[in-house]
Amino acid sequence: MRRAAILVLLAAALPGCGAVPFDYHSQNDIPRGPGMFSGADGAFVFRTKDSDEWREFQEWKRRKAAEERR
């Protein structure tokens, strides 16, 4: 009887050996990733006039205005 109890305990503990760790995220937390006002980084980023994105936008604006004048 004692041997059967030990076997049952070992059999019950065996599935726990194959467990894979995972990252827990509460459903009450803000989800990661892009949102309505956030970009692909998942964060709202203020652009400054010194940034490359600002310069690219200004160049695009000039090209678009030049195309519309034609």
C-alpha atoms as a PDB file:
ATOM      1  CA  MET A   1       0.000   0.000   0.000  1.00  0.00           C
ATOM      2  CA  ARG A   2       2.822   2.343   0.846  1.00  0.00           C
ATOM      3  CA  ARG A   3       4.551   1.590  -2.437  1.00  0.00           C
ATOM      4  CA  ALA A   4       1.351   2.390  -4.355  1.00  0.00           C
ATOM      5  CA  ALA A   5       1.050   5.756  -2.578  1.00  0.00           C
ATOM      6  CA  ILE A   6       4.627   6.650  -3.502  1.00  0.00           C
ATOM      7  CA  LEU A   7       3.989   5.696  -7.131  1.00  0.00           C
ATOM      8  CA  VAL A   8       0.833   7.820  -7.213  1.00  0.00           C
ATOM      9  CA  LEU A   9       2.735  10.817  -5.796  1.00  0.00           C
ATOM     10  CA  LEU A  10       5.541  10.380  -8.321  1.00  0.00           C
ATOM     11  CA  ALA A  11       3.039  10.062 -11.158  1.00  0.00           C
ATOM     12  CA  ALA A  12       1.291  13.231  -9.975  1.00  0.00           C
ATOM     13  CA  ALA A  13       4.589  15.167  -9.721  1.00  0.00           C
ATOM     14  CA  LEU A  14       5.890  14.040 -13.115  1.00  0.00           C
ATOM     15  CA  PRO A  15       3.831  16.481 -15.267  1.00  0.00           C
ATOM     16  CA  GLY A  16       5.322  19.372 -13.307  1.00  0.00           C
ATOM     17  CA  CYS A  17       8.776  18.501 -14.654  1.00  0.00           C
ATOM     18  CA  GLY A  18       7.792  19.426 -18.208  1.00  0.00           C
ATOM     19  CA  ALA A  19       6.519  22.880 -17.315  1.00  0.00           C
ATOM     20  CA  VAL A  20       7.750  25.791 -19.421  1.00  0.00           C
ATOM     21  CA  PRO A  21       8.169  29.216 -17.794  1.00  0.00           C
ATOM     22  CA  PHE A  22       6.028  32.046 -19.147  1.00  0.00           C
ATOM     23  CA  ASP A  23       5.702  35.792 -18.656  1.00  0.00           C
ATOM     24  CA  TYR A  24       2.653  36.622 -16.565  1.00  0.00           C
ATOM     25  CA  HIS A  25       0.715  39.757 -17.519  1.00  0.00           C
ATOM     26  CA  SER A  26      -2.324  40.748 -15.534  1.00  0.00           C
ATOM     27  CA  GLN A  27      -5.367  41.567 -17.601  1.00  0.00           C
ATOM     28  CA  ASN A  28      -5.588  44.824 -15.633  1.00  0.00           C
ATOM     29  CA  ASP A  29      -2.215  46.002 -16.986  1.00  0.00           C
ATOM     30  CA  ILE A  30      -1.894  48.107 -20.110  1.00  0.00           C
ATOM     31  CA  PRO A  31      -1.187  45.726 -23.001  1.00  0.00           C
ATOM     32  CA  ARG A  32       2.150  45.916 -24.782  1.00  0.00           C
ATOM     33  CA  GLY A  33       2.512  46.895 -28.406  1.00  0.00           C
ATOM     34  CA  PRO A  34       1.013  49.576 -30.610  1.00  0.00           C
ATOM     35  CA  GLY A  35      -2.179  51.285 -29.586  1.00  0.00           C
ATOM     36  CA  MET A  36      -4.502  54.009 -30.809  1.00  0.00           C
ATOM     37  CA  PHE A  37      -2.080  56.870 -30.134  1.00  0.00           C
ATOM     38  CA  SER A  38       1.182  54.990 -29.910  1.00  0.00           C
ATOM     39  CA  GLY A  39       3.450  53.995 -32.746  1.00  0.00           C
ATOM     40  CA  ALA A  40       5.039  50.675 -33.573  1.00  0.00           C
ATOM     41  CA  ASP A  41       7.226  50.988 -30.465  1.00  0.00           C
ATOM     42  CA  GLY A  42       4.157  50.866 -28.249  1.00  0.00           C
ATOM     43  CA  ALA A  43       4.853  54.287 -26.801  1.00  0.00           C
ATOM     44  CA  PHE A  44       3.823  57.827 -27.624  1.00  0.00           C
ATOM     45  CA  VAL A  45       6.934  59.649 -28.780  1.00  0.00           C
ATOM     46  CA  PHE A  46       7.209  63.410 -29.121  1.00  0.00           C
ATOM     47  CA  ARG A  47       9.080  64.431 -32.240  1.00  0.00           C
ATOM     48  CA  THR A  48      11.349  67.457 -32.151  1.00  0.00           C
ATOM     49  CA  LYS A  49      12.530  69.638 -35.004  1.00  0.00           C
ATOM     50  CA  ASP A  50      15.988  68.130 -34.604  1.00  0.00           C
ATOM     51  CA  SER A  51      14.850  64.578 -35.274  1.00  0.00           C
ATOM     52  CA  ASP A  52      15.382  62.775 -38.578  1.00  0.00           C
ATOM     53  CA  GLU A  53      11.658  62.067 -38.821  1.00  0.00           C
ATOM     54  CA  TRP A  54      10.922  65.793 -38.714  1.00  0.00           C
ATOM     55  CA  ARG A  55      13.385  66.493 -41.518  1.00  0.00           C
ATOM     56  CA  GLU A  56      11.958  63.645 -43.610  1.00  0.00           C
ATOM     57  CA  PHE A  57       8.451  64.986 -43.068  1.00  0.00           C
ATOM     58  CA  GLN A  58       9.467  68.492 -44.126  1.00  0.00           C
ATOM     59  CA  GLU A  59      11.141  67.140 -47.291  1.00  0.00           C
ATOM     60  CA  TRP A  60       8.044  65.084 -48.096  1.00  0.00           C
ATOM     61  CA  LYS A  61       5.880  68.174 -47.600  1.00  0.00           C
ATOM     62  CA  ARG A  62       8.040  70.218 -49.997  1.00  0.00           C
ATOM     63  CA  ARG A  63       7.972  67.446 -52.640  1.00  0.00           C
ATOM     64  CA  LYS A  64       4.201  67.098 -52.317  1.00  0.00           C
ATOM     65  CA  ALA A  65       3.692  70.864 -52.695  1.00  0.00           C
ATOM     66  CA  ALA A  66       5.987  70.902 -55.761  1.00  0.00           C
ATOM     67  CA  GLU A  67       4.039  68.043 -57.349  1.00  0.00           C
ATOM     68  CA  GLU A  68       0.727  69.813 -56.786  1.00  0.00           C
ATOM     69  CA  ARG A  69       2.027  73.001 -58.467  1.00  0.00           C
ATOM     70  CA  ARG A  70       2.771  71.096 -61.694  1.00  0.00           C
END
